């Protein structure tokens, strides 16, 4: 399973500060032009886009709980 953080509406420096402050160890990219957000029809942050092995996309807009995240990741891992 691969996790990638995508930042939008800020500078690369803002994103790096967020990554450092939160101790994130997965890849993060700055989508300054909003192209990735547009591709997945994400209007604002926070948002989650889950892509299954078969290419099925599930988008969740807004905050999700740790339990909801764990359930979604478990679903992806078993499919």
PDB file of N, CA and C in Angstrom:
ATOM      1  N   UNK A   1       0.847  -1.163   0.000  1.00  0.00           N
ATOM      2  CA  UNK A   1       0.000   0.000   0.000  1.00  0.00           C
ATOM      3  C   UNK A   1       0.895   1.229   0.000  1.00  0.00           C
ATOM      4  N   UNK A   2       0.521   2.215  -0.779  1.00  0.00           N
ATOM      5  CA  UNK A   2       1.288   3.455  -0.868  1.00  0.00           C
ATOM      6  C   UNK A   2       0.435   4.610  -0.371  1.00  0.00           C
ATOM      7  N   UNK A   3       1.038   5.488   0.404  1.00  0.00           N
ATOM      8  CA  UNK A   3       0.373   6.691   0.897  1.00  0.00           C
ATOM      9  C   UNK A   3       1.130   7.889   0.364  1.00  0.00           C
ATOM     10  N   UNK A   4       0.395   8.841  -0.199  1.00  0.00           N
ATOM     11  CA  UNK A   4       0.992  10.081  -0.689  1.00  0.00           C
ATOM     12  C   UNK A   4       0.137  11.245  -0.215  1.00  0.00           C
ATOM     13  N   UNK A   5       0.755  12.215   0.418  1.00  0.00           N
ATOM     14  CA  UNK A   5       0.057  13.429   0.816  1.00  0.00           C
ATOM     15  C   UNK A   5       0.137  14.442  -0.309  1.00  0.00           C
ATOM     16  N   UNK A   6      -0.961  15.153  -0.519  1.00  0.00           N
ATOM     17  CA  UNK A   6      -0.999  16.170  -1.568  1.00  0.00           C
ATOM     18  C   UNK A   6      -1.456  17.479  -0.943  1.00  0.00           C
ATOM     19  N   UNK A   7      -0.611  18.493  -1.032  1.00  0.00           N
ATOM     20  CA  UNK A   7      -0.937  19.816  -0.506  1.00  0.00           C
ATOM     21  C   UNK A   7      -1.386  20.721  -1.640  1.00  0.00           C
ATOM     22  N   UNK A   8      -2.281  21.637  -1.299  1.00  0.00           N
ATOM     23  CA  UNK A   8      -2.815  22.567  -2.289  1.00  0.00           C
ATOM     24  C   UNK A   8      -3.105  23.885  -1.594  1.00  0.00           C
ATOM     25  N   UNK A   9      -3.032  24.952  -2.313  1.00  0.00           N
ATOM     26  CA  UNK A   9      -3.371  26.271  -1.776  1.00  0.00           C
ATOM     27  C   UNK A   9      -2.344  26.776  -0.769  1.00  0.00           C
ATOM     28  N   UNK A  10      -1.117  26.447  -0.967  1.00  0.00           N
ATOM     29  CA  UNK A  10      -0.055  26.931  -0.105  1.00  0.00           C
ATOM     30  C   UNK A  10       1.269  26.803  -0.820  1.00  0.00           C
ATOM     31  N   UNK A  11       2.294  27.263  -0.182  1.00  0.00           N
ATOM     32  CA  UNK A  11       3.619  27.173  -0.793  1.00  0.00           C
ATOM     33  C   UNK A  11       4.259  25.830  -0.461  1.00  0.00           C
ATOM     34  N   UNK A  12       5.291  25.505  -1.205  1.00  0.00           N
ATOM     35  CA  UNK A  12       6.057  24.302  -0.902  1.00  0.00           C
ATOM     36  C   UNK A  12       6.650  24.361   0.492  1.00  0.00           C
ATOM     37  N   UNK A  13       7.029  25.565   0.917  1.00  0.00           N
ATOM     38  CA  UNK A  13       7.569  25.742   2.261  1.00  0.00           C
ATOM     39  C   UNK A  13       6.537  25.453   3.336  1.00  0.00           C
ATOM     40  N   UNK A  14       5.288  25.897   3.098  1.00  0.00           N
ATOM     41  CA  UNK A  14       4.205  25.608   4.042  1.00  0.00           C
ATOM     42  C   UNK A  14       4.002  24.105   4.170  1.00  0.00           C
ATOM     43  N   UNK A  15       4.023  23.414   3.029  1.00  0.00           N
ATOM     44  CA  UNK A  15       3.838  21.972   3.039  1.00  0.00           C
ATOM     45  C   UNK A  15       4.965  21.301   3.820  1.00  0.00           C
ATOM     46  N   UNK A  16       6.191  21.710   3.563  1.00  0.00           N
ATOM     47  CA  UNK A  16       7.328  21.093   4.249  1.00  0.00           C
ATOM     48  C   UNK A  16       7.265  21.355   5.745  1.00  0.00           C
ATOM     49  N   UNK A  17       6.831  22.554   6.143  1.00  0.00           N
ATOM     50  CA  UNK A  17       6.653  22.843   7.567  1.00  0.00           C
ATOM     51  C   UNK A  17       5.637  21.886   8.186  1.00  0.00           C
ATOM     52  N   UNK A  18       4.518  21.656   7.485  1.00  0.00           N
ATOM     53  CA  UNK A  18       3.478  20.741   7.962  1.00  0.00           C
ATOM     54  C   UNK A  18       4.032  19.325   8.103  1.00  0.00           C
ATOM     55  N   UNK A  19       4.770  18.878   7.094  1.00  0.00           N
ATOM     56  CA  UNK A  19       5.374  17.542   7.115  1.00  0.00           C
ATOM     57  C   UNK A  19       6.306  17.411   8.315  1.00  0.00           C
ATOM     58  N   UNK A  20       7.153  18.402   8.523  1.00  0.00           N
ATOM     59  CA  UNK A  20       8.107  18.362   9.634  1.00  0.00           C
ATOM     60  C   UNK A  20       7.406  18.407  10.987  1.00  0.00           C
ATOM     61  N   UNK A  21       6.428  19.309  11.134  1.00  0.00           N
ATOM     62  CA  UNK A  21       5.729  19.473  12.410  1.00  0.00           C
ATOM     63  C   UNK A  21       4.959  18.219  12.806  1.00  0.00           C
ATOM     64  N   UNK A  22       4.489  17.475  11.818  1.00  0.00           N
ATOM     65  CA  UNK A  22       3.673  16.294  12.093  1.00  0.00           C
ATOM     66  C   UNK A  22       4.440  14.986  11.956  1.00  0.00           C
ATOM     67  N   UNK A  23       5.736  15.064  11.672  1.00  0.00           N
ATOM     68  CA  UNK A  23       6.571  13.872  11.591  1.00  0.00           C
ATOM     69  C   UNK A  23       6.127  12.886  10.523  1.00  0.00           C
ATOM     70  N   UNK A  24       5.668  13.397   9.389  1.00  0.00           N
ATOM     71  CA  UNK A  24       5.179  12.520   8.324  1.00  0.00           C
ATOM     72  C   UNK A  24       6.346  11.858   7.614  1.00  0.00           C
ATOM     73  N   UNK A  25       6.233  10.548   7.418  1.00  0.00           N
ATOM     74  CA  UNK A  25       7.322   9.801   6.790  1.00  0.00           C
ATOM     75  C   UNK A  25       6.978   9.327   5.381  1.00  0.00           C
ATOM     76  N   UNK A  26       5.752   9.603   4.926  1.00  0.00           N
ATOM     77  CA  UNK A  26       5.365   9.201   3.576  1.00  0.00           C
ATOM     78  C   UNK A  26       5.571  10.371   2.611  1.00  0.00           C
ATOM     79  N   UNK A  27       5.549  10.074   1.330  1.00  0.00           N
ATOM     80  CA  UNK A  27       5.775  11.075   0.289  1.00  0.00           C
ATOM     81  C   UNK A  27       4.692  12.145   0.323  1.00  0.00           C
ATOM     82  N   UNK A  28       5.102  13.403   0.200  1.00  0.00           N
ATOM     83  CA  UNK A  28       4.180  14.528   0.113  1.00  0.00           C
ATOM     84  C   UNK A  28       4.568  15.375  -1.081  1.00  0.00           C
ATOM     85  N   UNK A  29       3.567  15.820  -1.833  1.00  0.00           N
ATOM     86  CA  UNK A  29       3.826  16.670  -2.992  1.00  0.00           C
ATOM     87  C   UNK A  29       2.947  17.910  -2.922  1.00  0.00           C
ATOM     88  N   UNK A  30       3.422  18.992  -3.517  1.00  0.00           N
ATOM     89  CA  UNK A  30       2.685  20.246  -3.547  1.00  0.00           C
ATOM     90  C   UNK A  30       1.994  20.388  -4.896  1.00  0.00           C
ATOM     91  N   UNK A  31       0.673  20.361  -4.884  1.00  0.00           N
ATOM     92  CA  UNK A  31      -0.139  20.490  -6.095  1.00  0.00           C
ATOM     93  C   UNK A  31      -0.543  21.957  -6.255  1.00  0.00           C
ATOM     94  N   UNK A  32       0.442  22.812  -6.495  1.00  0.00           N
ATOM     95  CA  UNK A  32       0.217  24.258  -6.527  1.00  0.00           C
ATOM     96  C   UNK A  32      -0.863  24.670  -7.519  1.00  0.00           C
ATOM     97  N   UNK A  33      -0.946  24.005  -8.649  1.00  0.00           N
ATOM     98  CA  UNK A  33      -1.934  24.357  -9.674  1.00  0.00           C
ATOM     99  C   UNK A  33      -3.287  23.685  -9.433  1.00  0.00           C
ATOM    100  N   UNK A  34      -3.367  22.779  -8.477  1.00  0.00           N
ATOM    101  CA  UNK A  34      -4.626  22.099  -8.184  1.00  0.00           C
ATOM    102  C   UNK A  34      -5.015  21.030  -9.188  1.00  0.00           C
ATOM    103  N   UNK A  35      -4.054  20.573  -9.982  1.00  0.00           N
ATOM    104  CA  UNK A  35      -4.357  19.583 -11.024  1.00  0.00           C
ATOM    105  C   UNK A  35      -4.776  18.232 -10.452  1.00  0.00           C
ATOM    106  N   UNK A  36      -4.109  17.805  -9.397  1.00  0.00           N
ATOM    107  CA  UNK A  36      -4.459  16.513  -8.788  1.00  0.00           C
ATOM    108  C   UNK A  36      -5.830  16.615  -8.121  1.00  0.00           C
ATOM    109  N   UNK A  37      -6.070  17.721  -7.430  1.00  0.00           N
ATOM    110  CA  UNK A  37      -7.372  17.922  -6.791  1.00  0.00           C
ATOM    111  C   UNK A  37      -8.480  17.911  -7.836  1.00  0.00           C
ATOM    112  N   UNK A  38      -8.264  18.572  -8.961  1.00  0.00           N
ATOM    113  CA  UNK A  38      -9.266  18.608 -10.034  1.00  0.00           C
ATOM    114  C   UNK A  38      -9.492  17.219 -10.620  1.00  0.00           C
ATOM    115  N   UNK A  39      -8.427  16.478 -10.805  1.00  0.00           N
ATOM    116  CA  UNK A  39      -8.541  15.133 -11.396  1.00  0.00           C
ATOM    117  C   UNK A  39      -9.455  14.224 -10.578  1.00  0.00           C
ATOM    118  N   UNK A  40      -9.429  14.398  -9.259  1.00  0.00           N
ATOM    119  CA  UNK A  40     -10.237  13.558  -8.382  1.00  0.00           C
ATOM    120  C   UNK A  40     -11.466  14.291  -7.834  1.00  0.00           C
ATOM    121  N   UNK A  41     -11.802  15.441  -8.439  1.00  0.00           N
ATOM    122  CA  UNK A  41     -12.992  16.220  -8.055  1.00  0.00           C
ATOM    123  C   UNK A  41     -13.015  16.569  -6.573  1.00  0.00           C
ATOM    124  N   UNK A  42     -11.866  16.962  -6.047  1.00  0.00           N
ATOM    125  CA  UNK A  42     -11.761  17.361  -4.651  1.00  0.00           C
ATOM    126  C   UNK A  42     -11.836  18.886  -4.602  1.00  0.00           C
ATOM    127  N   UNK A  43     -12.905  19.442  -3.983  1.00  0.00           N
ATOM    128  CA  UNK A  43     -13.077  20.890  -3.980  1.00  0.00           C
ATOM    129  C   UNK A  43     -12.262  21.623  -2.918  1.00  0.00           C
ATOM    130  N   UNK A  44     -11.900  20.930  -1.839  1.00  0.00           N
ATOM    131  CA  UNK A  44     -11.162  21.573  -0.749  1.00  0.00           C
ATOM    132  C   UNK A  44     -10.562  20.509   0.164  1.00  0.00           C
ATOM    133  N   UNK A  45      -9.690  20.981   1.067  1.00  0.00           N
ATOM    134  CA  UNK A  45      -9.073  20.113   2.059  1.00  0.00           C
ATOM    135  C   UNK A  45      -9.811  20.270   3.380  1.00  0.00           C
ATOM    136  N   UNK A  46      -9.825  19.301   4.244  1.00  0.00           N
ATOM    137  CA  UNK A  46      -9.201  18.000   4.072  1.00  0.00           C
ATOM    138  C   UNK A  46     -10.052  17.091   3.192  1.00  0.00           C
ATOM    139  N   UNK A  47      -9.374  16.215   2.532  1.00  0.00           N
ATOM    140  CA  UNK A  47     -10.036  15.223   1.688  1.00  0.00           C
ATOM    141  C   UNK A  47      -9.150  13.990   1.612  1.00  0.00           C
ATOM    142  N   UNK A  48      -9.770  12.884   1.326  1.00  0.00           N
ATOM    143  CA  UNK A  48      -9.071  11.610   1.201  1.00  0.00           C
ATOM    144  C   UNK A  48      -9.488  10.975  -0.104  1.00  0.00           C
ATOM    145  N   UNK A  49      -8.527  10.498  -0.862  1.00  0.00           N
ATOM    146  CA  UNK A  49      -8.811   9.757  -2.090  1.00  0.00           C
ATOM    147  C   UNK A  49      -8.136   8.398  -1.943  1.00  0.00           C
ATOM    148  N   UNK A  50      -8.942   7.361  -1.985  1.00  0.00           N
ATOM    149  CA  UNK A  50      -8.448   5.995  -1.861  1.00  0.00           C
ATOM    150  C   UNK A  50      -8.575   5.332  -3.221  1.00  0.00           C
ATOM    151  N   UNK A  51      -7.493   4.762  -3.707  1.00  0.00           N
ATOM    152  CA  UNK A  51      -7.497   4.101  -5.011  1.00  0.00           C
ATOM    153  C   UNK A  51      -7.166   2.628  -4.794  1.00  0.00           C
ATOM    154  N   UNK A  52      -8.123   1.779  -5.101  1.00  0.00           N
ATOM    155  CA  UNK A  52      -7.944   0.334  -4.934  1.00  0.00           C
ATOM    156  C   UNK A  52      -7.070  -0.225  -6.050  1.00  0.00           C
ATOM    157  N   UNK A  53      -6.593  -1.431  -5.851  1.00  0.00           N
ATOM    158  CA  UNK A  53      -5.740  -2.088  -6.850  1.00  0.00           C
ATOM    159  C   UNK A  53      -6.408  -2.174  -8.211  1.00  0.00           C
ATOM    160  N   UNK A  54      -7.737  -2.316  -8.219  1.00  0.00           N
ATOM    161  CA  UNK A  54      -8.458  -2.426  -9.490  1.00  0.00           C
ATOM    162  C   UNK A  54      -8.767  -1.071 -10.120  1.00  0.00           C
ATOM    163  N   UNK A  55      -8.298   0.014  -9.464  1.00  0.00           N
ATOM    164  CA  UNK A  55      -8.502   1.356 -10.001  1.00  0.00           C
ATOM    165  C   UNK A  55      -9.743   2.060  -9.493  1.00  0.00           C
ATOM    166  N   UNK A  56     -10.550   1.376  -8.697  1.00  0.00           N
ATOM    167  CA  UNK A  56     -11.742   1.992  -8.124  1.00  0.00           C
ATOM    168  C   UNK A  56     -11.333   3.124  -7.191  1.00  0.00           C
ATOM    169  N   UNK A  57     -11.966   4.285  -7.360  1.00  0.00           N
ATOM    170  CA  UNK A  57     -11.635   5.468  -6.568  1.00  0.00           C
ATOM    171  C   UNK A  57     -12.769   5.762  -5.588  1.00  0.00           C
ATOM    172  N   UNK A  58     -12.411   5.943  -4.330  1.00  0.00           N
ATOM    173  CA  UNK A  58     -13.349   6.375  -3.301  1.00  0.00           C
ATOM    174  C   UNK A  58     -12.835   7.697  -2.759  1.00  0.00           C
ATOM    175  N   UNK A  59     -13.673   8.722  -2.781  1.00  0.00           N
ATOM    176  CA  UNK A  59     -13.284  10.044  -2.294  1.00  0.00           C
ATOM    177  C   UNK A  59     -14.101  10.384  -1.062  1.00  0.00           C
ATOM    178  N   UNK A  60     -13.430  10.850  -0.032  1.00  0.00           N
ATOM    179  CA  UNK A  60     -14.088  11.301   1.197  1.00  0.00           C
ATOM    180  C   UNK A  60     -13.677  12.743   1.432  1.00  0.00           C
ATOM    181  N   UNK A  61     -14.638  13.636   1.460  1.00  0.00           N
ATOM    182  CA  UNK A  61     -14.380  15.054   1.684  1.00  0.00           C
ATOM    183  C   UNK A  61     -14.639  15.362   3.154  1.00  0.00           C
ATOM    184  N   UNK A  62     -13.701  16.061   3.774  1.00  0.00           N
ATOM    185  CA  UNK A  62     -13.846  16.440   5.170  1.00  0.00           C
ATOM    186  C   UNK A  62     -13.018  15.558   6.086  1.00  0.00           C
ATOM    187  N   UNK A  63     -13.116  15.867   7.351  1.00  0.00           N
ATOM    188  CA  UNK A  63     -12.358  15.150   8.373  1.00  0.00           C
ATOM    189  C   UNK A  63     -12.946  13.752   8.544  1.00  0.00           C
ATOM    190  N   UNK A  64     -12.082  12.760   8.692  1.00  0.00           N
ATOM    191  CA  UNK A  64     -12.532  11.413   9.042  1.00  0.00           C
ATOM    192  C   UNK A  64     -11.813  10.985  10.315  1.00  0.00           C
ATOM    193  N   UNK A  65     -12.470  10.134  11.060  1.00  0.00           N
ATOM    194  CA  UNK A  65     -11.898   9.679  12.331  1.00  0.00           C
ATOM    195  C   UNK A  65     -10.799   8.649  12.081  1.00  0.00           C
ATOM    196  N   UNK A  66     -10.019   8.417  13.109  1.00  0.00           N
ATOM    197  CA  UNK A  66      -8.987   7.376  13.022  1.00  0.00           C
ATOM    198  C   UNK A  66      -9.618   6.027  12.698  1.00  0.00           C
ATOM    199  N   UNK A  67     -10.778   5.745  13.304  1.00  0.00           N
ATOM    200  CA  UNK A  67     -11.464   4.478  13.060  1.00  0.00           C
ATOM    201  C   UNK A  67     -11.920   4.379  11.604  1.00  0.00           C
ATOM    202  N   UNK A  68     -12.480   5.461  11.057  1.00  0.00           N
ATOM    203  CA  UNK A  68     -12.909   5.451   9.654  1.00  0.00           C
ATOM    204  C   UNK A  68     -11.724   5.236   8.720  1.00  0.00           C
ATOM    205  N   UNK A  69     -10.606   5.882   9.027  1.00  0.00           N
ATOM    206  CA  UNK A  69      -9.404   5.708   8.212  1.00  0.00           C
ATOM    207  C   UNK A  69      -8.916   4.264   8.286  1.00  0.00           C
ATOM    208  N   UNK A  70      -8.870   3.723   9.486  1.00  0.00           N
ATOM    209  CA  UNK A  70      -8.425   2.336   9.659  1.00  0.00           C
ATOM    210  C   UNK A  70      -9.331   1.369   8.892  1.00  0.00           C
ATOM    211  N   UNK A  71     -10.637   1.589   8.957  1.00  0.00           N
ATOM    212  CA  UNK A  71     -11.578   0.723   8.238  1.00  0.00           C
ATOM    213  C   UNK A  71     -11.359   0.801   6.727  1.00  0.00           C
ATOM    214  N   UNK A  72     -11.141   2.003   6.217  1.00  0.00           N
ATOM    215  CA  UNK A  72     -10.927   2.168   4.776  1.00  0.00           C
ATOM    216  C   UNK A  72      -9.622   1.505   4.344  1.00  0.00           C
ATOM    217  N   UNK A  73      -8.569   1.676   5.120  1.00  0.00           N
ATOM    218  CA  UNK A  73      -7.288   1.050   4.792  1.00  0.00           C
ATOM    219  C   UNK A  73      -7.380  -0.474   4.862  1.00  0.00           C
ATOM    220  N   UNK A  74      -8.104  -0.988   5.849  1.00  0.00           N
ATOM    221  CA  UNK A  74      -8.303  -2.441   5.941  1.00  0.00           C
ATOM    222  C   UNK A  74      -9.080  -2.958   4.739  1.00  0.00           C
ATOM    223  N   UNK A  75     -10.088  -2.213   4.300  1.00  0.00           N
ATOM    224  CA  UNK A  75     -10.873  -2.610   3.132  1.00  0.00           C
ATOM    225  C   UNK A  75      -9.975  -2.682   1.899  1.00  0.00           C
ATOM    226  N   UNK A  76      -9.124  -1.674   1.739  1.00  0.00           N
ATOM    227  CA  UNK A  76      -8.216  -1.660   0.587  1.00  0.00           C
ATOM    228  C   UNK A  76      -7.210  -2.807   0.652  1.00  0.00           C
ATOM    229  N   UNK A  77      -6.729  -3.099   1.845  1.00  0.00           N
ATOM    230  CA  UNK A  77      -5.711  -4.144   2.006  1.00  0.00           C
ATOM    231  C   UNK A  77      -6.264  -5.534   1.720  1.00  0.00           C
ATOM    232  N   UNK A  78      -7.560  -5.718   1.908  1.00  0.00           N
ATOM    233  CA  UNK A  78      -8.143  -7.044   1.712  1.00  0.00           C
ATOM    234  C   UNK A  78      -8.754  -7.224   0.331  1.00  0.00           C
ATOM    235  N   UNK A  79      -8.789  -6.176  -0.468  1.00  0.00           N
ATOM    236  CA  UNK A  79      -9.356  -6.278  -1.830  1.00  0.00           C
ATOM    237  C   UNK A  79      -8.278  -6.353  -2.870  1.00  0.00           C
TER     238      UNK A  79
END
